Structures are given as C-alpha cells and as structure tokens.
Amino acid sequence: MTTGVSVMRLVLGVIGAIMLLGGIALVASGIPGVFVGALWLIPSGMVLVIVAVVEVSRYRSQAAENGRSSAIGPGGGETGRLEPRFQRTDEVFVDPTSNVRMRVYMDARTGDRRYLAE
C-alpha cells in the first residue's frame, strides 16, 4: 500500500470517528434540537470508518493485500509471476490515475482476476 493511500485511510478513519463520537455525544447530551444533527453525524461517521477499514489498493488480489507486500506493481497491480491457473485474457484497460496499460488475467474455474501492467 502506498503512503498516500495509508494517510488517506488514516484521515478518513479519524474524521469518521470524530463524527461518530460527536453524534453520540449530541444524542447523550439531551439538548433539544440537536437530535437531527446527530442523526446525520452518526451514520456518516460510521460510513467513513467502514470505508477506511475496508478500502484496499486497486487491482490487487486479496492474497497480495493480506500479505501486506510493499511491492505494488505499476498501476497498482500485482508484481511477480502469477500462478499457472491464471490465463491471459483479451481484456486490457488504461488505469485512469497512472495512465498505465493493464492486462487482465483470469482463473476460468473460480472467476478470480489479476491485473498486471503491460
């Protein structure tokens, strides 16, 4: 995972936690009229916290993410050799953020996909 992605996840998580705790504090305060604001803060904060926890790097398999490998390929894809079960497909696209041409490889049995820069 790149440093920029890690920082963004941290920022989203902190903002979400502040919103969530702020909404809960407003509800607990019992001040009349703040209930509507709290109803907005609590779900919004929960969404940001969930996004920060669940978000993963683009074009990487769950195995690569779980391994927390620091070797992220060009365009955010996999690095190294793929298992033989992954076959090259005709699907190619250009990653919009890095302008790197990516090739899709797929395991026909499971539908798992991997992405390698060309």
PDB file of N, CA and C in Angstrom:
ATOM      1  N   MET A   1       0.844  -1.165   0.000  1.00  0.00           N
ATOM      2  CA  MET A   1       0.000   0.000   0.000  1.00  0.00           C
ATOM      3  C   MET A   1       0.893   1.233   0.000  1.00  0.00           C
ATOM      4  N   THR A   2       0.555   2.188  -0.820  1.00  0.00           N
ATOM      5  CA  THR A   2       1.381   3.379  -0.905  1.00  0.00           C
ATOM      6  C   THR A   2       1.140   4.282   0.290  1.00  0.00           C
ATOM      7  N   THR A   3       2.092   5.183   0.533  1.00  0.00           N
ATOM      8  CA  THR A   3       1.990   6.086   1.674  1.00  0.00           C
ATOM      9  C   THR A   3       0.770   6.977   1.563  1.00  0.00           C
ATOM     10  N   GLY A   4       0.485   7.492   0.353  1.00  0.00           N
ATOM     11  CA  GLY A   4      -0.671   8.359   0.159  1.00  0.00           C
ATOM     12  C   GLY A   4      -1.973   7.677   0.521  1.00  0.00           C
ATOM     13  N   VAL A   5      -2.097   6.400   0.140  1.00  0.00           N
ATOM     14  CA  VAL A   5      -3.303   5.648   0.463  1.00  0.00           C
ATOM     15  C   VAL A   5      -3.397   5.437   1.965  1.00  0.00           C
ATOM     16  N   SER A   6      -2.288   5.133   2.622  1.00  0.00           N
ATOM     17  CA  SER A   6      -2.285   4.925   4.067  1.00  0.00           C
ATOM     18  C   SER A   6      -2.695   6.193   4.802  1.00  0.00           C
ATOM     19  N   VAL A   7      -2.173   7.325   4.358  1.00  0.00           N
ATOM     20  CA  VAL A   7      -2.514   8.601   5.002  1.00  0.00           C
ATOM     21  C   VAL A   7      -3.992   8.906   4.804  1.00  0.00           C
ATOM     22  N   MET A   8      -4.504   8.681   3.591  1.00  0.00           N
ATOM     23  CA  MET A   8      -5.916   8.950   3.324  1.00  0.00           C
ATOM     24  C   MET A   8      -6.811   8.062   4.170  1.00  0.00           C
ATOM     25  N   ARG A   9      -6.449   6.793   4.305  1.00  0.00           N
ATOM     26  CA  ARG A   9      -7.242   5.898   5.154  1.00  0.00           C
ATOM     27  C   ARG A   9      -7.241   6.384   6.596  1.00  0.00           C
ATOM     28  N   LEU A  10      -6.084   6.834   7.085  1.00  0.00           N
ATOM     29  CA  LEU A  10      -5.989   7.340   8.448  1.00  0.00           C
ATOM     30  C   LEU A  10      -6.847   8.587   8.621  1.00  0.00           C
ATOM     31  N   VAL A  11      -6.761   9.516   7.668  1.00  0.00           N
ATOM     32  CA  VAL A  11      -7.545  10.753   7.747  1.00  0.00           C
ATOM     33  C   VAL A  11      -9.044  10.435   7.732  1.00  0.00           C
ATOM     34  N   LEU A  12      -9.480   9.571   6.810  1.00  0.00           N
ATOM     35  CA  LEU A  12     -10.899   9.201   6.756  1.00  0.00           C
ATOM     36  C   LEU A  12     -11.344   8.531   8.059  1.00  0.00           C
ATOM     37  N   GLY A  13     -10.510   7.659   8.578  1.00  0.00           N
ATOM     38  CA  GLY A  13     -10.852   6.978   9.829  1.00  0.00           C
ATOM     39  C   GLY A  13     -10.980   7.937  10.994  1.00  0.00           C
ATOM     40  N   VAL A  14     -10.063   8.901  11.096  1.00  0.00           N
ATOM     41  CA  VAL A  14     -10.110   9.879  12.192  1.00  0.00           C
ATOM     42  C   VAL A  14     -11.337  10.777  12.057  1.00  0.00           C
ATOM     43  N   ILE A  15     -11.579  11.295  10.851  1.00  0.00           N
ATOM     44  CA  ILE A  15     -12.757  12.153  10.647  1.00  0.00           C
ATOM     45  C   ILE A  15     -14.041  11.383  10.951  1.00  0.00           C
ATOM     46  N   GLY A  16     -14.108  10.134  10.459  1.00  0.00           N
ATOM     47  CA  GLY A  16     -15.288   9.310  10.724  1.00  0.00           C
ATOM     48  C   GLY A  16     -15.489   9.052  12.204  1.00  0.00           C
ATOM     49  N   ALA A  17     -14.405   8.769  12.919  1.00  0.00           N
ATOM     50  CA  ALA A  17     -14.518   8.510  14.361  1.00  0.00           C
ATOM     51  C   ALA A  17     -14.971   9.761  15.105  1.00  0.00           C
ATOM     52  N   ILE A  18     -14.459  10.929  14.711  1.00  0.00           N
ATOM     53  CA  ILE A  18     -14.879  12.188  15.348  1.00  0.00           C
ATOM     54  C   ILE A  18     -16.354  12.441  15.082  1.00  0.00           C
ATOM     55  N   MET A  19     -16.792  12.237  13.842  1.00  0.00           N
ATOM     56  CA  MET A  19     -18.213  12.437  13.509  1.00  0.00           C
ATOM     57  C   MET A  19     -19.095  11.475  14.298  1.00  0.00           C
ATOM     58  N   LEU A  20     -18.690  10.224  14.350  1.00  0.00           N
ATOM     59  CA  LEU A  20     -19.463   9.212  15.060  1.00  0.00           C
ATOM     60  C   LEU A  20     -19.553   9.530  16.553  1.00  0.00           C
ATOM     61  N   LEU A  21     -18.420   9.824  17.170  1.00  0.00           N
ATOM     62  CA  LEU A  21     -18.419  10.134  18.607  1.00  0.00           C
ATOM     63  C   LEU A  21     -19.143  11.448  18.895  1.00  0.00           C
ATOM     64  N   GLY A  22     -19.000  12.431  17.980  1.00  0.00           N
ATOM     65  CA  GLY A  22     -19.716  13.699  18.150  1.00  0.00           C
ATOM     66  C   GLY A  22     -21.219  13.507  18.097  1.00  0.00           C
ATOM     67  N   GLY A  23     -21.681  12.682  17.172  1.00  0.00           N
ATOM     68  CA  GLY A  23     -23.114  12.403  17.078  1.00  0.00           C
ATOM     69  C   GLY A  23     -23.639  11.697  18.309  1.00  0.00           C
ATOM     70  N   ILE A  24     -22.884  10.738  18.797  1.00  0.00           N
ATOM     71  CA  ILE A  24     -23.288  10.025  20.015  1.00  0.00           C
ATOM     72  C   ILE A  24     -23.322  10.985  21.208  1.00  0.00           C
ATOM     73  N   ALA A  25     -22.336  11.887  21.304  1.00  0.00           N
ATOM     74  CA  ALA A  25     -22.299  12.868  22.399  1.00  0.00           C
ATOM     75  C   ALA A  25     -23.494  13.816  22.322  1.00  0.00           C
ATOM     76  N   LEU A  26     -23.868  14.209  21.098  1.00  0.00           N
ATOM     77  CA  LEU A  26     -25.038  15.088  20.947  1.00  0.00           C
ATOM     78  C   LEU A  26     -26.306  14.399  21.420  1.00  0.00           C
ATOM     79  N   VAL A  27     -26.483  13.142  21.056  1.00  0.00           N
ATOM     80  CA  VAL A  27     -27.668  12.400  21.493  1.00  0.00           C
ATOM     81  C   VAL A  27     -27.658  12.257  23.013  1.00  0.00           C
ATOM     82  N   ALA A  28     -26.495  11.943  23.581  1.00  0.00           N
ATOM     83  CA  ALA A  28     -26.386  11.739  25.027  1.00  0.00           C
ATOM     84  C   ALA A  28     -26.575  13.036  25.808  1.00  0.00           C
ATOM     85  N   SER A  29     -26.290  14.186  25.173  1.00  0.00           N
ATOM     86  CA  SER A  29     -26.397  15.465  25.892  1.00  0.00           C
ATOM     87  C   SER A  29     -27.836  15.821  26.249  1.00  0.00           C
ATOM     88  N   GLY A  30     -28.778  15.334  25.460  1.00  0.00           N
ATOM     89  CA  GLY A  30     -30.174  15.622  25.740  1.00  0.00           C
ATOM     90  C   GLY A  30     -30.589  17.037  25.389  1.00  0.00           C
ATOM     91  N   ILE A  31     -29.743  17.802  24.730  1.00  0.00           N
ATOM     92  CA  ILE A  31     -30.082  19.170  24.349  1.00  0.00           C
ATOM     93  C   ILE A  31     -31.168  19.121  23.269  1.00  0.00           C
ATOM     94  N   PRO A  32     -32.254  19.848  23.461  1.00  0.00           N
ATOM     95  CA  PRO A  32     -33.336  19.835  22.462  1.00  0.00           C
ATOM     96  C   PRO A  32     -32.844  20.399  21.124  1.00  0.00           C
ATOM     97  N   GLY A  33     -33.267  19.768  20.032  1.00  0.00           N
ATOM     98  CA  GLY A  33     -32.951  20.260  18.706  1.00  0.00           C
ATOM     99  C   GLY A  33     -31.679  19.712  18.095  1.00  0.00           C
ATOM    100  N   VAL A  34     -30.848  19.031  18.853  1.00  0.00           N
ATOM    101  CA  VAL A  34     -29.603  18.504  18.277  1.00  0.00           C
ATOM    102  C   VAL A  34     -29.767  17.085  17.754  1.00  0.00           C
ATOM    103  N   PHE A  35     -30.934  16.519  17.993  1.00  0.00           N
ATOM    104  CA  PHE A  35     -31.168  15.142  17.577  1.00  0.00           C
ATOM    105  C   PHE A  35     -31.033  14.969  16.060  1.00  0.00           C
ATOM    106  N   VAL A  36     -31.529  15.946  15.280  1.00  0.00           N
ATOM    107  CA  VAL A  36     -31.455  15.861  13.820  1.00  0.00           C
ATOM    108  C   VAL A  36     -29.995  15.883  13.355  1.00  0.00           C
ATOM    109  N   GLY A  37     -29.181  16.747  13.952  1.00  0.00           N
ATOM    110  CA  GLY A  37     -27.761  16.786  13.620  1.00  0.00           C
ATOM    111  C   GLY A  37     -27.072  15.485  13.957  1.00  0.00           C
ATOM    112  N   ALA A  38     -27.438  14.907  15.067  1.00  0.00           N
ATOM    113  CA  ALA A  38     -26.846  13.643  15.488  1.00  0.00           C
ATOM    114  C   ALA A  38     -27.227  12.528  14.519  1.00  0.00           C
ATOM    115  N   LEU A  39     -28.462  12.568  14.019  1.00  0.00           N
ATOM    116  CA  LEU A  39     -28.891  11.551  13.059  1.00  0.00           C
ATOM    117  C   LEU A  39     -28.075  11.623  11.771  1.00  0.00           C
ATOM    118  N   TRP A  40     -27.551  12.786  11.442  1.00  0.00           N
ATOM    119  CA  TRP A  40     -26.700  12.919  10.267  1.00  0.00           C
ATOM    120  C   TRP A  40     -25.267  12.492  10.597  1.00  0.00           C
ATOM    121  N   LEU A  41     -24.763  12.878  11.749  1.00  0.00           N
ATOM    122  CA  LEU A  41     -23.372  12.592  12.106  1.00  0.00           C
ATOM    123  C   LEU A  41     -23.088  11.105  12.321  1.00  0.00           C
ATOM    124  N   ILE A  42     -23.978  10.419  13.001  1.00  0.00           N
ATOM    125  CA  ILE A  42     -23.717   9.022  13.357  1.00  0.00           C
ATOM    126  C   ILE A  42     -23.571   8.133  12.118  1.00  0.00           C
ATOM    127  N   PRO A  43     -24.539   8.105  11.180  1.00  0.00           N
ATOM    128  CA  PRO A  43     -24.350   7.240  10.012  1.00  0.00           C
ATOM    129  C   PRO A  43     -23.199   7.687   9.110  1.00  0.00           C
ATOM    130  N   SER A  44     -23.010   8.996   8.977  1.00  0.00           N
ATOM    131  CA  SER A  44     -21.905   9.493   8.151  1.00  0.00           C
ATOM    132  C   SER A  44     -20.565   9.067   8.734  1.00  0.00           C
ATOM    133  N   GLY A  45     -20.420   9.199  10.031  1.00  0.00           N
ATOM    134  CA  GLY A  45     -19.183   8.771  10.692  1.00  0.00           C
ATOM    135  C   GLY A  45     -18.951   7.282  10.553  1.00  0.00           C
ATOM    136  N   MET A  46     -20.028   6.502  10.678  1.00  0.00           N
ATOM    137  CA  MET A  46     -19.900   5.055  10.530  1.00  0.00           C
ATOM    138  C   MET A  46     -19.439   4.694   9.117  1.00  0.00           C
ATOM    139  N   VAL A  47     -19.991   5.373   8.111  1.00  0.00           N
ATOM    140  CA  VAL A  47     -19.599   5.092   6.727  1.00  0.00           C
ATOM    141  C   VAL A  47     -18.121   5.388   6.523  1.00  0.00           C
ATOM    142  N   LEU A  48     -17.642   6.525   7.010  1.00  0.00           N
ATOM    143  CA  LEU A  48     -16.228   6.860   6.839  1.00  0.00           C
ATOM    144  C   LEU A  48     -15.311   5.866   7.541  1.00  0.00           C
ATOM    145  N   VAL A  49     -15.682   5.450   8.730  1.00  0.00           N
ATOM    146  CA  VAL A  49     -14.861   4.469   9.456  1.00  0.00           C
ATOM    147  C   VAL A  49     -14.832   3.145   8.692  1.00  0.00           C
ATOM    148  N   ILE A  50     -15.980   2.701   8.189  1.00  0.00           N
ATOM    149  CA  ILE A  50     -16.041   1.447   7.436  1.00  0.00           C
ATOM    150  C   ILE A  50     -15.203   1.541   6.162  1.00  0.00           C
ATOM    151  N   VAL A  51     -15.311   2.666   5.448  1.00  0.00           N
ATOM    152  CA  VAL A  51     -14.523   2.853   4.221  1.00  0.00           C
ATOM    153  C   VAL A  51     -13.032   2.799   4.537  1.00  0.00           C
ATOM    154  N   ALA A  52     -12.619   3.441   5.605  1.00  0.00           N
ATOM    155  CA  ALA A  52     -11.197   3.458   5.966  1.00  0.00           C
ATOM    156  C   ALA A  52     -10.687   2.061   6.315  1.00  0.00           C
ATOM    157  N   VAL A  53     -11.531   1.241   6.900  1.00  0.00           N
ATOM    158  CA  VAL A  53     -11.119  -0.100   7.304  1.00  0.00           C
ATOM    159  C   VAL A  53     -11.147  -1.083   6.131  1.00  0.00           C
ATOM    160  N   VAL A  54     -12.165  -0.969   5.272  1.00  0.00           N
ATOM    161  CA  VAL A  54     -12.393  -1.959   4.226  1.00  0.00           C
ATOM    162  C   VAL A  54     -11.644  -1.651   2.934  1.00  0.00           C
ATOM    163  N   GLU A  55     -11.365  -0.390   2.655  1.00  0.00           N
ATOM    164  CA  GLU A  55     -10.747   0.008   1.390  1.00  0.00           C
ATOM    165  C   GLU A  55      -9.428  -0.722   1.181  1.00  0.00           C
ATOM    166  N   VAL A  56      -9.216  -1.181  -0.030  1.00  0.00           N
ATOM    167  CA  VAL A  56      -7.962  -1.854  -0.385  1.00  0.00           C
ATOM    168  C   VAL A  56      -7.397  -1.204  -1.636  1.00  0.00           C
ATOM    169  N   SER A  57      -6.121  -1.466  -1.885  1.00  0.00           N
ATOM    170  CA  SER A  57      -5.492  -0.919  -3.082  1.00  0.00           C
ATOM    171  C   SER A  57      -6.141  -1.497  -4.332  1.00  0.00           C
ATOM    172  N   ARG A  58      -6.236  -0.686  -5.362  1.00  0.00           N
ATOM    173  CA  ARG A  58      -6.867  -1.119  -6.598  1.00  0.00           C
ATOM    174  C   ARG A  58      -6.018  -2.159  -7.302  1.00  0.00           C
ATOM    175  N   TYR A  59      -6.704  -3.055  -8.009  1.00  0.00           N
ATOM    176  CA  TYR A  59      -6.090  -4.032  -8.902  1.00  0.00           C
ATOM    177  C   TYR A  59      -5.166  -5.021  -8.205  1.00  0.00           C
ATOM    178  N   ARG A  60      -5.325  -5.213  -6.918  1.00  0.00           N
ATOM    179  CA  ARG A  60      -4.503  -6.197  -6.220  1.00  0.00           C
ATOM    180  C   ARG A  60      -5.414  -7.265  -5.642  1.00  0.00           C
ATOM    181  N   SER A  61      -4.933  -8.486  -5.667  1.00  0.00           N
ATOM    182  CA  SER A  61      -5.714  -9.594  -5.138  1.00  0.00           C
ATOM    183  C   SER A  61      -5.791  -9.500  -3.620  1.00  0.00           C
ATOM    184  N   GLN A  62      -6.734 -10.212  -3.065  1.00  0.00           N
ATOM    185  CA  GLN A  62      -6.864 -10.253  -1.612  1.00  0.00           C
ATOM    186  C   GLN A  62      -5.629 -10.904  -0.996  1.00  0.00           C
ATOM    187  N   ALA A  63      -5.048 -11.872  -1.697  1.00  0.00           N
ATOM    188  CA  ALA A  63      -3.838 -12.527  -1.190  1.00  0.00           C
ATOM    189  C   ALA A  63      -2.691 -11.527  -1.089  1.00  0.00           C
ATOM    190  N   ALA A  64      -2.556 -10.669  -2.092  1.00  0.00           N
ATOM    191  CA  ALA A  64      -1.497  -9.653  -2.052  1.00  0.00           C
ATOM    192  C   ALA A  64      -1.769  -8.641  -0.951  1.00  0.00           C
ATOM    193  N   GLU A  65      -3.019  -8.256  -0.779  1.00  0.00           N
ATOM    194  CA  GLU A  65      -3.375  -7.307   0.279  1.00  0.00           C
ATOM    195  C   GLU A  65      -3.131  -7.908   1.661  1.00  0.00           C
ATOM    196  N   ASN A  66      -3.522  -9.161   1.852  1.00  0.00           N
ATOM    197  CA  ASN A  66      -3.338  -9.806   3.157  1.00  0.00           C
ATOM    198  C   ASN A  66      -1.873  -9.991   3.490  1.00  0.00           C
ATOM    199  N   GLY A  67      -1.042 -10.181   2.462  1.00  0.00           N
ATOM    200  CA  GLY A  67       0.381 -10.339   2.670  1.00  0.00           C
ATOM    201  C   GLY A  67       1.062  -9.029   2.998  1.00  0.00           C
ATOM    202  N   ARG A  68       0.331  -7.923   2.782  1.00  0.00           N
ATOM    203  CA  ARG A  68       0.862  -6.574   3.039  1.00  0.00           C
ATOM    204  C   ARG A  68       2.205  -6.374   2.351  1.00  0.00           C
ATOM    205  N   SER A  69       2.309  -6.944   1.152  1.00  0.00           N
ATOM    206  CA  SER A  69       3.534  -6.802   0.378  1.00  0.00           C
ATOM    207  C   SER A  69       3.750  -5.347   0.016  1.00  0.00           C
ATOM    208  N   SER A  70       4.973  -4.879   0.190  1.00  0.00           N
ATOM    209  CA  SER A  70       5.276  -3.499  -0.159  1.00  0.00           C
ATOM    210  C   SER A  70       5.526  -3.362  -1.660  1.00  0.00           C
ATOM    211  N   ALA A  71       5.611  -4.494  -2.364  1.00  0.00           N
ATOM    212  CA  ALA A  71       5.884  -4.461  -3.802  1.00  0.00           C
ATOM    213  C   ALA A  71       4.582  -4.341  -4.578  1.00  0.00           C
ATOM    214  N   ILE A  72       4.178  -3.114  -4.846  1.00  0.00           N
ATOM    215  CA  ILE A  72       2.985  -2.863  -5.638  1.00  0.00           C
ATOM    216  C   ILE A  72       3.444  -2.582  -7.059  1.00  0.00           C
ATOM    217  N   GLY A  73       2.859  -3.285  -8.002  1.00  0.00           N
ATOM    218  CA  GLY A  73       3.260  -3.143  -9.387  1.00  0.00           C
ATOM    219  C   GLY A  73       2.797  -1.835 -10.002  1.00  0.00           C
ATOM    220  N   PRO A  74       3.279  -1.548 -11.209  1.00  0.00           N
ATOM    221  CA  PRO A  74       2.847  -0.347 -11.922  1.00  0.00           C
ATOM    222  C   PRO A  74       1.328  -0.335 -12.077  1.00  0.00           C
ATOM    223  N   GLY A  75       0.717   0.802 -11.895  1.00  0.00           N
ATOM    224  CA  GLY A  75      -0.732   0.911 -11.998  1.00  0.00           C
ATOM    225  C   GLY A  75      -1.451   0.326 -10.801  1.00  0.00           C
ATOM    226  N   GLY A  76      -0.708  -0.090  -9.779  1.00  0.00           N
ATOM    227  CA  GLY A  76      -1.326  -0.651  -8.575  1.00  0.00           C
ATOM    228  C   GLY A  76      -1.598  -2.132  -8.669  1.00  0.00           C
ATOM    229  N   GLY A  77      -1.151  -2.803  -9.738  1.00  0.00           N
ATOM    230  CA  GLY A  77      -1.429  -4.224  -9.928  1.00  0.00           C
ATOM    231  C   GLY A  77      -0.482  -5.134  -9.183  1.00  0.00           C
ATOM    232  N   GLU A  78      -0.567  -6.393  -9.551  1.00  0.00           N
ATOM    233  CA  GLU A  78       0.273  -7.420  -8.932  1.00  0.00           C
ATOM    234  C   GLU A  78       1.719  -7.297  -9.430  1.00  0.00           C
ATOM    235  N   THR A  79       2.636  -7.897  -8.703  1.00  0.00           N
ATOM    236  CA  THR A  79       4.027  -7.987  -9.135  1.00  0.00           C
ATOM    237  C   THR A  79       4.410  -9.455  -9.183  1.00  0.00           C
ATOM    238  N   GLY A  80       5.452  -9.746  -9.908  1.00  0.00           N
ATOM    239  CA  GLY A  80       5.955 -11.114  -9.959  1.00  0.00           C
ATOM    240  C   GLY A  80       5.147 -11.992 -10.900  1.00  0.00           C
ATOM    241  N   ARG A  81       5.369 -13.308 -10.769  1.00  0.00           N
ATOM    242  CA  ARG A  81       4.700 -14.272 -11.639  1.00  0.00           C
ATOM    243  C   ARG A  81       3.376 -14.700 -11.023  1.00  0.00           C
ATOM    244  N   LEU A  82       2.393 -14.880 -11.889  1.00  0.00           N
ATOM    245  CA  LEU A  82       1.090 -15.365 -11.442  1.00  0.00           C
ATOM    246  C   LEU A  82       1.089 -16.880 -11.410  1.00  0.00           C
ATOM    247  N   GLU A  83       0.195 -17.432 -10.618  1.00  0.00           N
ATOM    248  CA  GLU A  83       0.024 -18.882 -10.595  1.00  0.00           C
ATOM    249  C   GLU A  83      -0.420 -19.343 -11.980  1.00  0.00           C
ATOM    250  N   PRO A  84      -0.085 -20.571 -12.366  1.00  0.00           N
ATOM    251  CA  PRO A  84      -0.436 -21.067 -13.707  1.00  0.00           C
ATOM    252  C   PRO A  84      -1.942 -21.093 -13.982  1.00  0.00           C
ATOM    253  N   ARG A  85      -2.768 -21.110 -12.945  1.00  0.00           N
ATOM    254  CA  ARG A  85      -4.217 -21.164 -13.154  1.00  0.00           C
ATOM    255  C   ARG A  85      -4.762 -19.879 -13.789  1.00  0.00           C
ATOM    256  N   PHE A  86      -4.003 -18.791 -13.736  1.00  0.00           N
ATOM    257  CA  PHE A  86      -4.449 -17.527 -14.323  1.00  0.00           C
ATOM    258  C   PHE A  86      -4.032 -17.457 -15.782  1.00  0.00           C
ATOM    259  N   GLN A  87      -5.018 -17.311 -16.644  1.00  0.00           N
ATOM    260  CA  GLN A  87      -4.793 -17.247 -18.079  1.00  0.00           C
ATOM    261  C   GLN A  87      -4.984 -15.826 -18.580  1.00  0.00           C
ATOM    262  N   ARG A  88      -4.156 -15.436 -19.510  1.00  0.00           N
ATOM    263  CA  ARG A  88      -4.228 -14.110 -20.121  1.00  0.00           C
ATOM    264  C   ARG A  88      -5.562 -13.967 -20.862  1.00  0.00           C
ATOM    265  N   THR A  89      -6.226 -12.817 -20.698  1.00  0.00           N
ATOM    266  CA  THR A  89      -7.460 -12.534 -21.425  1.00  0.00           C
ATOM    267  C   THR A  89      -7.200 -11.433 -22.451  1.00  0.00           C
ATOM    268  N   ASP A  90      -8.195 -11.155 -23.265  1.00  0.00           N
ATOM    269  CA  ASP A  90      -8.091 -10.064 -24.239  1.00  0.00           C
ATOM    270  C   ASP A  90      -8.432  -8.716 -23.603  1.00  0.00           C
ATOM    271  N   GLU A  91      -8.826  -8.743 -22.337  1.00  0.00           N
ATOM    272  CA  GLU A  91      -9.237  -7.501 -21.672  1.00  0.00           C
ATOM    273  C   GLU A  91      -8.018  -6.666 -21.269  1.00  0.00           C
ATOM    274  N   VAL A  92      -7.974  -5.450 -21.783  1.00  0.00           N
ATOM    275  CA  VAL A  92      -6.899  -4.506 -21.489  1.00  0.00           C
ATOM    276  C   VAL A  92      -7.553  -3.156 -21.222  1.00  0.00           C
ATOM    277  N   PHE A  93      -7.006  -2.411 -20.268  1.00  0.00           N
ATOM    278  CA  PHE A  93      -7.514  -1.066 -20.000  1.00  0.00           C
ATOM    279  C   PHE A  93      -6.369  -0.194 -19.523  1.00  0.00           C
ATOM    280  N   VAL A  94      -6.599   1.093 -19.555  1.00  0.00           N
ATOM    281  CA  VAL A  94      -5.600   2.050 -19.080  1.00  0.00           C
ATOM    282  C   VAL A  94      -6.082   2.586 -17.738  1.00  0.00           C
ATOM    283  N   ASP A  95      -5.256   2.411 -16.715  1.00  0.00           N
ATOM    284  CA  ASP A  95      -5.596   2.920 -15.386  1.00  0.00           C
ATOM    285  C   ASP A  95      -5.700   4.440 -15.472  1.00  0.00           C
ATOM    286  N   PRO A  96      -6.846   5.012 -15.074  1.00  0.00           N
ATOM    287  CA  PRO A  96      -7.053   6.451 -15.249  1.00  0.00           C
ATOM    288  C   PRO A  96      -6.169   7.342 -14.378  1.00  0.00           C
ATOM    289  N   THR A  97      -5.646   6.831 -13.275  1.00  0.00           N
ATOM    290  CA  THR A  97      -4.827   7.681 -12.407  1.00  0.00           C
ATOM    291  C   THR A  97      -3.348   7.630 -12.736  1.00  0.00           C
ATOM    292  N   SER A  98      -2.884   6.496 -13.249  1.00  0.00           N
ATOM    293  CA  SER A  98      -1.449   6.367 -13.540  1.00  0.00           C
ATOM    294  C   SER A  98      -1.150   6.306 -15.033  1.00  0.00           C
ATOM    295  N   ASN A  99      -2.198   6.173 -15.856  1.00  0.00           N
ATOM    296  CA  ASN A  99      -2.055   6.021 -17.310  1.00  0.00           C
ATOM    297  C   ASN A  99      -1.227   4.799 -17.694  1.00  0.00           C
ATOM    298  N   VAL A 100      -1.253   3.771 -16.853  1.00  0.00           N
ATOM    299  CA  VAL A 100      -0.543   2.526 -17.125  1.00  0.00           C
ATOM    300  C   VAL A 100      -1.515   1.541 -17.766  1.00  0.00           C
ATOM    301  N   ARG A 101      -1.074   0.902 -18.830  1.00  0.00           N
ATOM    302  CA  ARG A 101      -1.885  -0.100 -19.524  1.00  0.00           C
ATOM    303  C   ARG A 101      -1.857  -1.396 -18.704  1.00  0.00           C
ATOM    304  N   MET A 102      -3.043  -1.897 -18.351  1.00  0.00           N
ATOM    305  CA  MET A 102      -3.165  -3.076 -17.505  1.00  0.00           C
ATOM    306  C   MET A 102      -3.778  -4.231 -18.299  1.00  0.00           C
ATOM    307  N   ARG A 103      -3.241  -5.436 -18.100  1.00  0.00           N
ATOM    308  CA  ARG A 103      -3.766  -6.654 -18.726  1.00  0.00           C
ATOM    309  C   ARG A 103      -4.477  -7.462 -17.655  1.00  0.00           C
ATOM    310  N   VAL A 104      -5.622  -8.037 -18.014  1.00  0.00           N
ATOM    311  CA  VAL A 104      -6.401  -8.842 -17.080  1.00  0.00           C
ATOM    312  C   VAL A 104      -6.087 -10.318 -17.303  1.00  0.00           C
ATOM    313  N   TYR A 105      -5.843 -11.032 -16.210  1.00  0.00           N
ATOM    314  CA  TYR A 105      -5.650 -12.471 -16.213  1.00  0.00           C
ATOM    315  C   TYR A 105      -6.752 -13.063 -15.350  1.00  0.00           C
ATOM    316  N   MET A 106      -7.278 -14.238 -15.749  1.00  0.00           N
ATOM    317  CA  MET A 106      -8.417 -14.786 -15.027  1.00  0.00           C
ATOM    318  C   MET A 106      -8.281 -16.291 -14.824  1.00  0.00           C
ATOM    319  N   ASP A 107      -8.755 -16.750 -13.681  1.00  0.00           N
ATOM    320  CA  ASP A 107      -8.889 -18.172 -13.405  1.00  0.00           C
ATOM    321  C   ASP A 107     -10.303 -18.544 -13.842  1.00  0.00           C
ATOM    322  N   ALA A 108     -10.429 -19.274 -14.937  1.00  0.00           N
ATOM    323  CA  ALA A 108     -11.738 -19.589 -15.502  1.00  0.00           C
ATOM    324  C   ALA A 108     -12.599 -20.417 -14.550  1.00  0.00           C
ATOM    325  N   ARG A 109     -11.964 -21.190 -13.690  1.00  0.00           N
ATOM    326  CA  ARG A 109     -12.722 -22.050 -12.771  1.00  0.00           C
ATOM    327  C   ARG A 109     -13.385 -21.249 -11.662  1.00  0.00           C
ATOM    328  N   THR A 110     -12.661 -20.292 -11.087  1.00  0.00           N
ATOM    329  CA  THR A 110     -13.190 -19.550  -9.941  1.00  0.00           C
ATOM    330  C   THR A 110     -13.665 -18.137 -10.279  1.00  0.00           C
ATOM    331  N   GLY A 111     -13.202 -17.613 -11.426  1.00  0.00           N
ATOM    332  CA  GLY A 111     -13.558 -16.232 -11.779  1.00  0.00           C
ATOM    333  C   GLY A 111     -12.636 -15.199 -11.167  1.00  0.00           C
ATOM    334  N   ASP A 112     -11.633 -15.645 -10.374  1.00  0.00           N
ATOM    335  CA  ASP A 112     -10.677 -14.713  -9.790  1.00  0.00           C
ATOM    336  C   ASP A 112      -9.926 -13.989 -10.900  1.00  0.00           C
ATOM    337  N   ARG A 113      -9.649 -12.712 -10.663  1.00  0.00           N
ATOM    338  CA  ARG A 113      -8.955 -11.913 -11.658  1.00  0.00           C
ATOM    339  C   ARG A 113      -7.706 -11.322 -11.056  1.00  0.00           C
ATOM    340  N   ARG A 114      -6.680 -11.152 -11.896  1.00  0.00           N
ATOM    341  CA  ARG A 114      -5.444 -10.489 -11.510  1.00  0.00           C
ATOM    342  C   ARG A 114      -5.124  -9.481 -12.594  1.00  0.00           C
ATOM    343  N   TYR A 115      -4.413  -8.427 -12.223  1.00  0.00           N
ATOM    344  CA  TYR A 115      -4.099  -7.342 -13.141  1.00  0.00           C
ATOM    345  C   TYR A 115      -2.593  -7.106 -13.142  1.00  0.00           C
ATOM    346  N   LEU A 116      -2.002  -7.116 -14.334  1.00  0.00           N
ATOM    347  CA  LEU A 116      -0.570  -6.858 -14.482  1.00  0.00           C
ATOM    348  C   LEU A 116      -0.366  -5.715 -15.470  1.00  0.00           C
ATOM    349  N   ALA A 117       0.604  -4.879 -15.175  1.00  0.00           N
ATOM    350  CA  ALA A 117       0.936  -3.799 -16.105  1.00  0.00           C
ATOM    351  C   ALA A 117       1.615  -4.389 -17.328  1.00  0.00           C
ATOM    352  N   GLU A 118       1.310  -3.806 -18.478  1.00  0.00           N
ATOM    353  CA  GLU A 118       1.975  -4.247 -19.714  1.00  0.00           C
ATOM    354  C   GLU A 118       3.108  -3.314 -20.045  1.00  0.00           C
TER     355      GLU A 118
END
